[in-house]
Structure formats: structure tokens, C-alpha cells
């Protein structure tokens, strides 16, 4: 059963200037802007809960591939080395690069996993026509996790590393690197839909 929103739930606060607005669902492709500073408050997205669920399931599958398949294959003389992303993090930790390993784990493993998991928990019931328990908390956590999800930075860094290694040895991308690129695009597409329209989704 759908629960009516309280008066506070119908308010939207501009993250740039703090101006409070009365919120209402947006039609597709419409853009809501702050009346004070003209910042974007929300967008009417063309993807519904079913389409977002399909993208999120695809992201979950690609996330598993990106973290289990080899990223780069390096050949130097008669030796050959290849590694997965978790193995690269473990190697950095063993070499004493604790900060780099910790940041990479948080931003490229934990944050995307939580992001995808929360989206699946939220979207699967919404697509089926009912609102899951704790939906408001999930939305707040998703908003917080969006600041820690930096897969695009990791993808660019991996490509730059591949170019630099290629100058010293024979290196080639492996399936894990391609999966990482696809995952970055999927996460960007999912994130571009925003969250406010899910808050107002009618089961």
C-alpha cells in the first residue's frame, strides 16, 4: 500500500545555495532549476524503474567480470604477467602502498558494490509494483555513495598505465579492462537518472 508523503517529503533543497522549493514529479526531459541560483534541482528522466533495473542488473554482471577477469597482459622477454584488479590492490598493499590500496578498494570496489546492491534492493520491488522497507534510507545512502563512486577515474588511470607500460614492455588489454570501461558507462547512465523520481515513484 502506498503511503502518502508528509509535507517535509515534498520539499527540495538546493545543494548550492540552500533555497527550499516545493517539489513535484517532473515530466520526461523537463528540468527543475533553483529560483535563486539557477542550479539544477532535478530532471525528468525517460527511463522508468524497469529500464533502470535492467541497467543495474547488467552493471552487476559486468562488475563481477571486471573484478574476476584479467586487466592487463604484460610480456617482457620470456616472462608473462597478468593480474585482476583485486590482485593489483593486494600487490600494492604488500608493496607498502597502503593508502593507494585502501582508496582504490573504497572507491572502485566497495562503493560500486554498495551502489549496485542498493539499486537492486530498491528497483526490483519498485519494478514489481511495491515499495521496499527502508526505501528512504536507501535513497539517502545512494546519494552519499555517489560522491565515492569514481570508476571513471580508475578507468582513465588504467588506460594511462597501459600506455606507459607499453613503452617498456609488450602490453595488451584483457577482458577485465574492457569490462571496466563498460561498467563506467553503465554506472554513468544509471546515475544520470537521478534519485528524486524514485522517491516519487508510484508502486
N, C-alpha and C. Protein backbone atom coordinates (compact mmCIF):
# COMPACT_ATOMS: atom_id res chain seq x y z
N UNK A 1 0.85 -1.19 0.00
CA UNK A 1 0.00 0.00 0.00
C UNK A 1 0.88 1.24 0.00
N UNK A 2 0.56 2.19 -0.86
CA UNK A 2 1.35 3.41 -0.95
C UNK A 2 1.03 4.34 0.21
N UNK A 3 2.09 4.89 0.83
CA UNK A 3 1.93 5.78 1.95
C UNK A 3 2.07 7.22 1.48
N UNK A 4 1.16 8.09 1.88
CA UNK A 4 1.22 9.47 1.46
C UNK A 4 2.43 10.16 2.07
N UNK A 5 3.06 11.03 1.24
CA UNK A 5 4.24 11.73 1.70
C UNK A 5 3.86 12.82 2.68
N UNK A 6 4.71 13.03 3.68
CA UNK A 6 4.49 14.11 4.62
C UNK A 6 4.86 15.43 3.96
N UNK A 7 4.43 16.58 4.55
CA UNK A 7 4.78 17.86 3.95
C UNK A 7 6.28 18.06 3.78
N UNK A 8 7.08 17.54 4.73
CA UNK A 8 8.53 17.70 4.60
C UNK A 8 9.09 16.91 3.43
N UNK A 9 8.45 15.77 3.09
CA UNK A 9 8.92 14.95 1.99
C UNK A 9 8.72 15.64 0.64
N UNK A 10 7.87 16.66 0.58
CA UNK A 10 7.60 17.32 -0.68
C UNK A 10 8.49 18.53 -0.90
N UNK A 11 9.50 18.71 -0.03
CA UNK A 11 10.40 19.84 -0.17
C UNK A 11 11.71 19.41 -0.82
N UNK A 12 12.27 20.30 -1.63
CA UNK A 12 13.58 20.07 -2.25
C UNK A 12 14.48 21.24 -1.90
N UNK A 13 15.68 20.94 -1.41
CA UNK A 13 16.63 21.98 -1.00
C UNK A 13 17.76 22.03 -2.01
N UNK A 14 18.04 23.23 -2.50
CA UNK A 14 19.14 23.41 -3.45
C UNK A 14 20.46 23.15 -2.75
N UNK A 15 21.29 22.26 -3.30
CA UNK A 15 22.57 21.93 -2.68
C UNK A 15 23.59 23.05 -2.84
N UNK A 16 23.34 23.98 -3.74
CA UNK A 16 24.29 25.08 -3.96
C UNK A 16 24.04 26.26 -3.03
N UNK A 17 22.79 26.70 -2.91
CA UNK A 17 22.51 27.92 -2.14
C UNK A 17 21.59 27.69 -0.94
N UNK A 18 20.98 26.49 -0.83
CA UNK A 18 20.13 26.20 0.31
C UNK A 18 18.69 26.65 0.18
N UNK A 19 18.31 27.16 -0.99
CA UNK A 19 16.92 27.60 -1.19
C UNK A 19 15.98 26.40 -1.14
N UNK A 20 14.86 26.55 -0.43
CA UNK A 20 13.88 25.47 -0.31
C UNK A 20 12.78 25.65 -1.36
N UNK A 21 12.42 24.56 -2.02
CA UNK A 21 11.39 24.58 -3.05
C UNK A 21 10.34 23.51 -2.76
N UNK A 22 9.15 23.74 -3.23
CA UNK A 22 8.11 22.72 -3.20
C UNK A 22 8.29 21.83 -4.41
N UNK A 23 8.46 20.52 -4.17
CA UNK A 23 8.78 19.60 -5.27
C UNK A 23 7.54 18.90 -5.79
N UNK A 24 7.55 18.64 -7.09
CA UNK A 24 6.51 17.83 -7.71
C UNK A 24 7.16 17.00 -8.81
N UNK A 25 6.59 15.84 -9.14
CA UNK A 25 7.17 14.98 -10.18
C UNK A 25 7.30 15.73 -11.50
N UNK A 26 8.40 15.46 -12.22
CA UNK A 26 8.68 16.13 -13.47
C UNK A 26 8.32 15.23 -14.65
N UNK A 27 7.79 15.80 -15.73
CA UNK A 27 7.61 15.01 -16.95
C UNK A 27 8.96 14.71 -17.58
N UNK A 28 8.97 13.78 -18.49
CA UNK A 28 10.22 13.39 -19.14
C UNK A 28 10.87 14.57 -19.84
N UNK A 29 12.22 14.65 -19.69
CA UNK A 29 13.07 15.67 -20.29
C UNK A 29 12.89 17.06 -19.69
N UNK A 30 12.01 17.22 -18.71
CA UNK A 30 11.87 18.51 -18.04
C UNK A 30 13.00 18.68 -17.04
N UNK A 31 13.38 19.93 -16.77
CA UNK A 31 14.46 20.24 -15.84
C UNK A 31 13.95 21.24 -14.81
N UNK A 32 14.15 20.91 -13.54
CA UNK A 32 13.77 21.83 -12.46
C UNK A 32 15.02 22.56 -12.00
N UNK A 33 14.95 23.90 -11.92
CA UNK A 33 16.09 24.73 -11.52
C UNK A 33 15.75 25.58 -10.31
N UNK A 34 16.77 25.90 -9.56
CA UNK A 34 16.61 26.74 -8.38
C UNK A 34 16.20 28.15 -8.80
N UNK A 35 15.24 28.71 -8.11
CA UNK A 35 14.77 30.06 -8.45
C UNK A 35 15.76 31.12 -8.02
N UNK A 36 16.70 30.77 -7.13
CA UNK A 36 17.67 31.75 -6.65
C UNK A 36 18.97 31.73 -7.45
N UNK A 37 19.57 30.53 -7.63
CA UNK A 37 20.89 30.45 -8.27
C UNK A 37 20.87 29.71 -9.60
N UNK A 38 19.73 29.20 -10.02
CA UNK A 38 19.55 28.52 -11.30
C UNK A 38 20.26 27.16 -11.36
N UNK A 39 20.64 26.61 -10.21
CA UNK A 39 21.23 25.27 -10.20
C UNK A 39 20.17 24.23 -10.53
N UNK A 40 20.60 23.11 -11.12
CA UNK A 40 19.68 22.04 -11.48
C UNK A 40 19.27 21.28 -10.23
N UNK A 41 17.97 21.24 -9.97
CA UNK A 41 17.44 20.50 -8.82
C UNK A 41 17.09 19.07 -9.18
N UNK A 42 16.67 18.83 -10.40
CA UNK A 42 16.28 17.50 -10.83
C UNK A 42 15.89 17.50 -12.30
N UNK A 43 15.84 16.31 -12.86
CA UNK A 43 15.49 16.15 -14.26
C UNK A 43 14.41 15.08 -14.39
N UNK A 44 13.52 15.28 -15.34
CA UNK A 44 12.55 14.26 -15.66
C UNK A 44 13.18 13.26 -16.61
N UNK A 45 13.48 12.08 -16.11
CA UNK A 45 14.25 11.11 -16.91
C UNK A 45 13.31 10.20 -17.70
N UNK A 46 13.79 9.79 -18.88
CA UNK A 46 12.94 8.95 -19.73
C UNK A 46 12.98 7.48 -19.34
N UNK A 47 13.88 7.10 -18.45
CA UNK A 47 13.98 5.70 -18.03
C UNK A 47 13.07 5.46 -16.83
N UNK A 48 12.24 4.44 -16.91
CA UNK A 48 11.38 4.09 -15.78
C UNK A 48 12.09 3.07 -14.89
N UNK A 49 11.40 2.60 -13.85
CA UNK A 49 12.01 1.67 -12.89
C UNK A 49 12.44 0.37 -13.57
N UNK A 50 11.66 -0.13 -14.53
CA UNK A 50 12.01 -1.38 -15.20
C UNK A 50 13.30 -1.23 -16.01
N UNK A 51 13.41 -0.10 -16.74
CA UNK A 51 14.62 0.12 -17.54
C UNK A 51 15.84 0.30 -16.66
N UNK A 52 15.70 1.04 -15.56
CA UNK A 52 16.81 1.22 -14.63
C UNK A 52 17.20 -0.09 -13.97
N UNK A 53 16.23 -0.94 -13.69
CA UNK A 53 16.53 -2.26 -13.12
C UNK A 53 17.35 -3.09 -14.10
N UNK A 54 16.98 -3.05 -15.38
CA UNK A 54 17.72 -3.81 -16.39
C UNK A 54 19.17 -3.32 -16.48
N UNK A 55 19.36 -2.00 -16.45
CA UNK A 55 20.72 -1.45 -16.49
C UNK A 55 21.51 -1.84 -15.25
N UNK A 56 20.84 -1.87 -14.10
CA UNK A 56 21.53 -2.20 -12.86
C UNK A 56 21.92 -3.67 -12.82
N UNK A 57 21.06 -4.55 -13.32
CA UNK A 57 21.41 -5.98 -13.40
C UNK A 57 22.60 -6.17 -14.33
N UNK A 58 22.59 -5.46 -15.46
CA UNK A 58 23.73 -5.53 -16.39
C UNK A 58 25.00 -5.03 -15.71
N UNK A 59 24.89 -3.94 -14.93
CA UNK A 59 26.05 -3.41 -14.22
C UNK A 59 26.57 -4.42 -13.21
N UNK A 60 25.69 -5.15 -12.54
CA UNK A 60 26.11 -6.16 -11.57
C UNK A 60 26.91 -7.27 -12.24
N UNK A 61 26.43 -7.71 -13.40
CA UNK A 61 27.13 -8.78 -14.14
C UNK A 61 28.50 -8.28 -14.60
N UNK A 62 28.54 -7.08 -15.16
CA UNK A 62 29.80 -6.54 -15.66
C UNK A 62 30.77 -6.26 -14.51
N UNK A 63 30.23 -5.86 -13.35
CA UNK A 63 31.07 -5.62 -12.18
C UNK A 63 31.80 -6.90 -11.76
N UNK A 64 31.10 -8.02 -11.79
CA UNK A 64 31.73 -9.30 -11.44
C UNK A 64 32.83 -9.64 -12.46
N UNK A 65 32.54 -9.43 -13.75
CA UNK A 65 33.54 -9.71 -14.78
C UNK A 65 34.76 -8.81 -14.62
N UNK A 66 34.52 -7.51 -14.35
CA UNK A 66 35.62 -6.55 -14.22
C UNK A 66 36.56 -6.90 -13.06
N UNK A 67 36.03 -7.60 -12.05
CA UNK A 67 36.85 -7.90 -10.88
C UNK A 67 37.34 -9.34 -10.82
N UNK A 68 36.96 -10.14 -11.81
CA UNK A 68 37.46 -11.52 -11.85
C UNK A 68 38.31 -11.81 -13.08
N UNK A 69 38.13 -11.04 -14.15
CA UNK A 69 38.92 -11.24 -15.36
C UNK A 69 40.22 -10.42 -15.30
N UNK A 70 41.22 -10.83 -16.07
CA UNK A 70 42.49 -10.12 -16.10
C UNK A 70 42.31 -8.74 -16.71
N UNK A 71 43.06 -7.76 -16.17
CA UNK A 71 43.01 -6.40 -16.68
C UNK A 71 44.01 -6.19 -17.81
N UNK A 72 45.28 -6.53 -17.55
CA UNK A 72 46.36 -6.26 -18.49
C UNK A 72 47.26 -7.49 -18.59
N UNK A 73 47.72 -7.76 -19.78
CA UNK A 73 48.69 -8.83 -20.03
C UNK A 73 50.02 -8.19 -20.41
N UNK A 74 51.06 -8.46 -19.62
CA UNK A 74 52.37 -7.85 -19.85
C UNK A 74 53.37 -8.96 -20.19
N UNK A 75 54.09 -8.74 -21.30
CA UNK A 75 55.10 -9.70 -21.75
C UNK A 75 56.44 -9.00 -21.88
N UNK A 76 57.43 -9.49 -21.15
CA UNK A 76 58.78 -8.93 -21.17
C UNK A 76 59.76 -10.08 -21.31
N UNK A 77 60.32 -10.20 -22.52
CA UNK A 77 61.21 -11.32 -22.80
C UNK A 77 60.43 -12.62 -22.78
N UNK A 78 60.91 -13.55 -21.96
CA UNK A 78 60.24 -14.84 -21.86
C UNK A 78 59.22 -14.89 -20.72
N UNK A 79 59.11 -13.81 -19.98
CA UNK A 79 58.18 -13.79 -18.85
C UNK A 79 56.87 -13.13 -19.26
N UNK A 80 55.82 -13.55 -18.60
CA UNK A 80 54.48 -13.04 -18.89
C UNK A 80 53.72 -12.87 -17.58
N UNK A 81 53.10 -11.72 -17.43
CA UNK A 81 52.37 -11.42 -16.19
C UNK A 81 50.99 -10.88 -16.53
N UNK A 82 50.01 -11.31 -15.76
CA UNK A 82 48.67 -10.76 -15.89
C UNK A 82 48.03 -10.77 -14.51
N UNK A 83 47.11 -9.85 -14.31
CA UNK A 83 46.53 -9.70 -12.98
C UNK A 83 45.10 -9.17 -13.07
N UNK A 84 44.32 -9.50 -12.05
CA UNK A 84 42.99 -8.93 -11.91
C UNK A 84 43.09 -7.66 -11.05
N UNK A 85 42.02 -6.91 -10.99
CA UNK A 85 42.05 -5.68 -10.21
C UNK A 85 42.23 -5.95 -8.71
N UNK A 86 41.49 -6.90 -8.11
CA UNK A 86 41.75 -7.20 -6.69
C UNK A 86 43.18 -7.66 -6.43
N UNK A 87 43.75 -8.41 -7.36
CA UNK A 87 45.14 -8.85 -7.19
C UNK A 87 46.09 -7.66 -7.24
N UNK A 88 45.80 -6.69 -8.10
CA UNK A 88 46.63 -5.48 -8.18
C UNK A 88 46.57 -4.69 -6.87
N UNK A 89 45.38 -4.62 -6.28
CA UNK A 89 45.24 -3.93 -5.00
C UNK A 89 46.03 -4.66 -3.91
N UNK A 90 45.92 -6.00 -3.89
CA UNK A 90 46.65 -6.79 -2.90
C UNK A 90 48.16 -6.61 -3.07
N UNK A 91 48.62 -6.54 -4.31
CA UNK A 91 50.06 -6.34 -4.58
C UNK A 91 50.50 -4.97 -4.08
N UNK A 92 49.69 -3.94 -4.33
CA UNK A 92 50.03 -2.60 -3.84
C UNK A 92 50.12 -2.58 -2.31
N UNK A 93 49.21 -3.29 -1.67
CA UNK A 93 49.24 -3.37 -0.20
C UNK A 93 50.52 -4.05 0.28
N UNK A 94 50.90 -5.14 -0.38
CA UNK A 94 52.10 -5.87 0.02
C UNK A 94 53.37 -5.06 -0.22
N UNK A 95 53.33 -4.16 -1.22
CA UNK A 95 54.49 -3.32 -1.51
C UNK A 95 54.58 -2.10 -0.61
N UNK A 96 53.62 -1.95 0.29
CA UNK A 96 53.66 -0.83 1.22
C UNK A 96 52.84 0.37 0.81
N UNK A 97 52.16 0.31 -0.34
CA UNK A 97 51.30 1.41 -0.78
C UNK A 97 49.91 1.25 -0.16
N UNK A 98 49.87 1.36 1.16
CA UNK A 98 48.64 1.09 1.90
C UNK A 98 47.54 2.09 1.56
N UNK A 99 47.91 3.38 1.48
CA UNK A 99 46.91 4.41 1.20
C UNK A 99 46.29 4.22 -0.18
N UNK A 100 47.13 3.95 -1.17
CA UNK A 100 46.62 3.74 -2.53
C UNK A 100 45.70 2.53 -2.57
N UNK A 101 46.11 1.44 -1.93
CA UNK A 101 45.29 0.23 -1.90
C UNK A 101 43.96 0.48 -1.20
N UNK A 102 43.99 1.22 -0.09
CA UNK A 102 42.76 1.48 0.65
C UNK A 102 41.80 2.35 -0.14
N UNK A 103 42.33 3.41 -0.77
CA UNK A 103 41.48 4.31 -1.56
C UNK A 103 40.89 3.58 -2.76
N UNK A 104 41.72 2.77 -3.44
CA UNK A 104 41.23 2.01 -4.59
C UNK A 104 40.15 1.02 -4.17
N UNK A 105 40.33 0.37 -3.02
CA UNK A 105 39.32 -0.57 -2.53
C UNK A 105 38.00 0.13 -2.24
N UNK A 106 38.09 1.29 -1.59
CA UNK A 106 36.88 2.02 -1.20
C UNK A 106 36.14 2.56 -2.42
N UNK A 107 36.87 3.22 -3.33
CA UNK A 107 36.22 3.93 -4.43
C UNK A 107 35.90 3.05 -5.63
N UNK A 108 36.63 1.97 -5.83
CA UNK A 108 36.44 1.15 -7.03
C UNK A 108 35.87 -0.23 -6.76
N UNK A 109 35.83 -0.64 -5.50
CA UNK A 109 35.26 -1.95 -5.16
C UNK A 109 34.05 -1.81 -4.23
N UNK A 110 34.26 -1.20 -3.07
CA UNK A 110 33.19 -1.11 -2.07
C UNK A 110 32.06 -0.20 -2.55
N UNK A 111 32.42 1.03 -2.97
CA UNK A 111 31.38 2.00 -3.37
C UNK A 111 30.53 1.49 -4.54
N UNK A 112 31.12 0.99 -5.64
CA UNK A 112 30.28 0.46 -6.72
C UNK A 112 29.43 -0.73 -6.29
N UNK A 113 29.99 -1.61 -5.44
CA UNK A 113 29.23 -2.78 -4.99
C UNK A 113 28.03 -2.35 -4.16
N UNK A 114 28.22 -1.40 -3.24
CA UNK A 114 27.11 -0.91 -2.43
C UNK A 114 26.09 -0.18 -3.30
N UNK A 115 26.60 0.62 -4.25
CA UNK A 115 25.74 1.36 -5.18
C UNK A 115 24.83 0.41 -5.95
N UNK A 116 25.41 -0.64 -6.51
CA UNK A 116 24.64 -1.61 -7.29
C UNK A 116 23.68 -2.38 -6.39
N UNK A 117 24.17 -2.80 -5.21
CA UNK A 117 23.32 -3.56 -4.29
C UNK A 117 22.11 -2.77 -3.82
N UNK A 118 22.32 -1.51 -3.47
CA UNK A 118 21.21 -0.67 -3.03
C UNK A 118 20.22 -0.43 -4.17
N UNK A 119 20.75 -0.22 -5.36
CA UNK A 119 19.86 -0.02 -6.51
C UNK A 119 19.01 -1.26 -6.78
N UNK A 120 19.61 -2.43 -6.70
CA UNK A 120 18.85 -3.66 -6.92
C UNK A 120 17.78 -3.84 -5.85
N UNK A 121 18.14 -3.57 -4.59
CA UNK A 121 17.18 -3.69 -3.49
C UNK A 121 16.01 -2.73 -3.67
N UNK A 122 16.29 -1.56 -4.20
CA UNK A 122 15.26 -0.54 -4.37
C UNK A 122 14.44 -0.75 -5.63
N UNK A 123 15.11 -1.05 -6.76
CA UNK A 123 14.44 -1.07 -8.06
C UNK A 123 13.65 -2.36 -8.30
N UNK A 124 14.12 -3.48 -7.80
CA UNK A 124 13.40 -4.74 -8.05
C UNK A 124 11.96 -4.68 -7.51
N UNK A 125 11.76 -4.26 -6.26
CA UNK A 125 10.37 -4.13 -5.78
C UNK A 125 9.58 -3.04 -6.51
N UNK A 126 10.22 -1.90 -6.79
CA UNK A 126 9.51 -0.82 -7.49
C UNK A 126 9.05 -1.27 -8.86
N UNK A 127 9.90 -2.03 -9.56
CA UNK A 127 9.52 -2.53 -10.87
C UNK A 127 8.38 -3.54 -10.78
N UNK A 128 8.31 -4.24 -9.63
CA UNK A 128 7.24 -5.22 -9.42
C UNK A 128 5.97 -4.58 -8.88
N UNK A 129 6.03 -3.30 -8.51
CA UNK A 129 4.82 -2.60 -8.09
C UNK A 129 4.66 -2.37 -6.61
N UNK A 130 5.74 -2.51 -5.82
CA UNK A 130 5.63 -2.22 -4.39
C UNK A 130 6.92 -1.58 -3.90
N UNK A 131 6.81 -0.84 -2.81
CA UNK A 131 7.93 -0.10 -2.25
C UNK A 131 8.59 -0.92 -1.14
N UNK A 132 9.92 -1.13 -1.22
CA UNK A 132 10.59 -1.96 -0.22
C UNK A 132 10.73 -1.23 1.12
N UNK A 133 10.88 -1.96 2.21
CA UNK A 133 11.12 -1.33 3.51
C UNK A 133 12.45 -0.56 3.49
N UNK A 134 12.45 0.59 4.13
CA UNK A 134 13.69 1.38 4.19
C UNK A 134 14.05 2.06 2.90
N UNK A 135 13.07 2.33 2.02
CA UNK A 135 13.36 2.96 0.74
C UNK A 135 13.99 4.33 0.91
N UNK A 136 13.49 5.11 1.87
CA UNK A 136 14.03 6.45 2.09
C UNK A 136 15.49 6.39 2.51
N UNK A 137 15.83 5.43 3.39
CA UNK A 137 17.22 5.28 3.82
C UNK A 137 18.11 4.87 2.64
N UNK A 138 17.61 3.97 1.79
CA UNK A 138 18.37 3.55 0.60
C UNK A 138 18.67 4.74 -0.31
N UNK A 139 17.69 5.59 -0.50
CA UNK A 139 17.88 6.76 -1.36
C UNK A 139 18.93 7.70 -0.77
N UNK A 140 18.91 7.89 0.55
CA UNK A 140 19.90 8.75 1.18
C UNK A 140 21.31 8.14 1.07
N UNK A 141 21.41 6.83 1.25
CA UNK A 141 22.70 6.16 1.12
C UNK A 141 23.22 6.23 -0.31
N UNK A 142 22.32 6.07 -1.29
CA UNK A 142 22.73 6.16 -2.70
C UNK A 142 23.26 7.55 -3.01
N UNK A 143 22.61 8.57 -2.46
CA UNK A 143 23.08 9.93 -2.67
C UNK A 143 24.47 10.12 -2.08
N UNK A 144 24.69 9.55 -0.89
CA UNK A 144 26.01 9.67 -0.25
C UNK A 144 27.07 8.88 -1.02
N UNK A 145 26.71 7.68 -1.51
CA UNK A 145 27.68 6.84 -2.22
C UNK A 145 28.10 7.43 -3.56
N UNK A 146 27.26 8.27 -4.15
CA UNK A 146 27.59 8.84 -5.46
C UNK A 146 28.87 9.67 -5.41
N UNK A 147 29.22 10.20 -4.22
CA UNK A 147 30.43 11.01 -4.09
C UNK A 147 31.68 10.14 -4.01
N UNK A 148 31.51 8.85 -3.73
CA UNK A 148 32.66 7.95 -3.58
C UNK A 148 32.84 7.03 -4.77
N UNK A 149 31.91 7.07 -5.69
CA UNK A 149 31.98 6.19 -6.86
C UNK A 149 32.79 6.88 -7.96
N UNK A 150 34.06 6.50 -8.10
CA UNK A 150 34.95 7.16 -9.06
C UNK A 150 35.52 6.15 -10.06
N UNK A 151 34.66 5.33 -10.61
CA UNK A 151 35.13 4.33 -11.57
C UNK A 151 35.74 4.97 -12.81
N UNK A 152 35.21 6.14 -13.23
CA UNK A 152 35.74 6.77 -14.43
C UNK A 152 37.20 7.17 -14.24
N UNK A 153 37.56 7.60 -13.01
CA UNK A 153 38.95 7.95 -12.73
C UNK A 153 39.83 6.70 -12.81
N UNK A 154 39.34 5.59 -12.26
CA UNK A 154 40.09 4.34 -12.31
C UNK A 154 40.29 3.88 -13.74
N UNK A 155 39.26 3.98 -14.57
CA UNK A 155 39.36 3.53 -15.96
C UNK A 155 40.41 4.34 -16.72
N UNK A 156 40.36 5.66 -16.57
CA UNK A 156 41.36 6.51 -17.24
C UNK A 156 42.76 6.20 -16.73
N UNK A 157 42.90 5.99 -15.41
CA UNK A 157 44.21 5.66 -14.84
C UNK A 157 44.74 4.35 -15.39
N UNK A 158 43.85 3.36 -15.54
CA UNK A 158 44.28 2.06 -16.08
C UNK A 158 44.74 2.21 -17.53
N UNK A 159 44.05 3.01 -18.32
CA UNK A 159 44.45 3.22 -19.70
C UNK A 159 45.79 3.94 -19.78
N UNK A 160 46.00 4.94 -18.93
CA UNK A 160 47.29 5.65 -18.91
C UNK A 160 48.41 4.71 -18.49
N UNK A 161 48.12 3.86 -17.51
CA UNK A 161 49.13 2.89 -17.07
C UNK A 161 49.48 1.92 -18.19
N UNK A 162 48.47 1.52 -18.97
CA UNK A 162 48.71 0.61 -20.09
C UNK A 162 49.61 1.26 -21.12
N UNK A 163 49.39 2.55 -21.41
CA UNK A 163 50.22 3.27 -22.38
C UNK A 163 51.65 3.37 -21.88
N UNK A 164 51.84 3.68 -20.60
CA UNK A 164 53.18 3.82 -20.05
C UNK A 164 53.92 2.48 -20.03
N UNK A 165 53.20 1.41 -19.67
CA UNK A 165 53.83 0.09 -19.64
C UNK A 165 54.21 -0.35 -21.05
N UNK A 166 53.38 0.00 -22.03
CA UNK A 166 53.65 -0.39 -23.42
C UNK A 166 54.96 0.19 -23.93
N UNK A 167 55.42 1.29 -23.33
CA UNK A 167 56.70 1.88 -23.73
C UNK A 167 57.89 1.08 -23.21
N UNK A 168 57.67 0.26 -22.20
CA UNK A 168 58.74 -0.52 -21.60
C UNK A 168 58.65 -2.00 -21.94
N UNK A 169 57.47 -2.49 -22.17
CA UNK A 169 57.27 -3.91 -22.45
C UNK A 169 56.06 -4.07 -23.36
N UNK A 170 55.86 -5.29 -23.83
CA UNK A 170 54.70 -5.57 -24.68
C UNK A 170 53.49 -5.79 -23.78
N UNK A 171 52.50 -4.92 -23.92
CA UNK A 171 51.32 -4.97 -23.04
C UNK A 171 50.06 -4.91 -23.89
N UNK A 172 49.04 -5.60 -23.45
CA UNK A 172 47.77 -5.61 -24.16
C UNK A 172 46.62 -5.66 -23.16
N UNK A 173 45.52 -5.00 -23.49
CA UNK A 173 44.36 -5.03 -22.57
C UNK A 173 43.71 -6.40 -22.57
N UNK A 174 43.15 -6.76 -21.43
CA UNK A 174 42.46 -8.03 -21.26
C UNK A 174 40.96 -7.76 -21.01
N UNK A 175 40.13 -8.80 -20.97
CA UNK A 175 38.68 -8.60 -20.82
C UNK A 175 38.28 -7.75 -19.62
N UNK A 176 39.03 -7.84 -18.54
CA UNK A 176 38.70 -7.07 -17.35
C UNK A 176 38.72 -5.56 -17.59
N UNK A 177 39.66 -5.10 -18.43
CA UNK A 177 39.76 -3.68 -18.72
C UNK A 177 38.58 -3.21 -19.56
N UNK A 178 38.19 -4.02 -20.54
CA UNK A 178 37.01 -3.69 -21.35
C UNK A 178 35.74 -3.69 -20.48
N UNK A 179 35.66 -4.66 -19.57
CA UNK A 179 34.50 -4.70 -18.68
C UNK A 179 34.47 -3.47 -17.78
N UNK A 180 35.64 -3.00 -17.37
CA UNK A 180 35.71 -1.80 -16.54
C UNK A 180 35.19 -0.59 -17.29
N UNK A 181 35.53 -0.49 -18.59
CA UNK A 181 35.02 0.60 -19.39
C UNK A 181 33.52 0.55 -19.57
N UNK A 182 32.99 -0.65 -19.83
CA UNK A 182 31.54 -0.82 -19.97
C UNK A 182 30.83 -0.50 -18.67
N UNK A 183 31.43 -0.93 -17.54
CA UNK A 183 30.83 -0.66 -16.23
C UNK A 183 30.77 0.84 -15.96
N UNK A 184 31.81 1.57 -16.36
CA UNK A 184 31.82 3.01 -16.17
C UNK A 184 30.67 3.67 -16.93
N UNK A 185 30.43 3.23 -18.16
CA UNK A 185 29.33 3.78 -18.95
C UNK A 185 27.97 3.43 -18.34
N UNK A 186 27.82 2.19 -17.88
CA UNK A 186 26.56 1.78 -17.26
C UNK A 186 26.27 2.56 -15.99
N UNK A 187 27.30 2.73 -15.16
CA UNK A 187 27.11 3.47 -13.91
C UNK A 187 26.76 4.92 -14.19
N UNK A 188 27.38 5.51 -15.22
CA UNK A 188 27.07 6.90 -15.57
C UNK A 188 25.63 7.02 -16.06
N UNK A 189 25.18 6.04 -16.86
CA UNK A 189 23.80 6.07 -17.35
C UNK A 189 22.80 5.92 -16.21
N UNK A 190 23.10 5.04 -15.27
CA UNK A 190 22.20 4.84 -14.12
C UNK A 190 22.17 6.08 -13.24
N UNK A 191 23.36 6.63 -12.98
CA UNK A 191 23.45 7.79 -12.09
C UNK A 191 22.80 9.03 -12.71
N UNK A 192 22.83 9.12 -14.04
CA UNK A 192 22.26 10.30 -14.70
C UNK A 192 20.75 10.38 -14.52
N UNK A 193 20.11 9.25 -14.21
CA UNK A 193 18.66 9.26 -13.99
C UNK A 193 18.29 9.95 -12.70
N UNK A 194 19.26 10.10 -11.80
CA UNK A 194 18.97 10.76 -10.52
C UNK A 194 18.19 9.85 -9.58
N UNK A 195 17.76 10.41 -8.46
CA UNK A 195 17.08 9.65 -7.42
C UNK A 195 15.70 10.18 -7.08
N UNK A 196 15.46 11.46 -7.34
CA UNK A 196 14.22 12.07 -6.87
C UNK A 196 13.00 11.44 -7.52
N UNK A 197 13.12 11.03 -8.80
CA UNK A 197 11.96 10.41 -9.44
C UNK A 197 11.64 9.05 -8.82
N UNK A 198 12.63 8.39 -8.21
CA UNK A 198 12.37 7.13 -7.50
C UNK A 198 11.65 7.42 -6.18
N UNK A 199 11.98 8.55 -5.56
CA UNK A 199 11.30 8.93 -4.32
C UNK A 199 9.80 9.11 -4.57
N UNK A 200 9.47 9.60 -5.76
CA UNK A 200 8.08 9.87 -6.08
C UNK A 200 7.43 8.77 -6.89
N UNK A 201 8.20 7.66 -7.08
CA UNK A 201 7.65 6.57 -7.88
C UNK A 201 6.40 6.01 -7.22
N UNK A 202 5.37 5.85 -8.02
CA UNK A 202 4.11 5.30 -7.51
C UNK A 202 4.04 3.80 -7.79
N UNK A 203 4.15 2.94 -6.77
CA UNK A 203 4.04 1.48 -7.00
C UNK A 203 2.67 1.11 -7.53
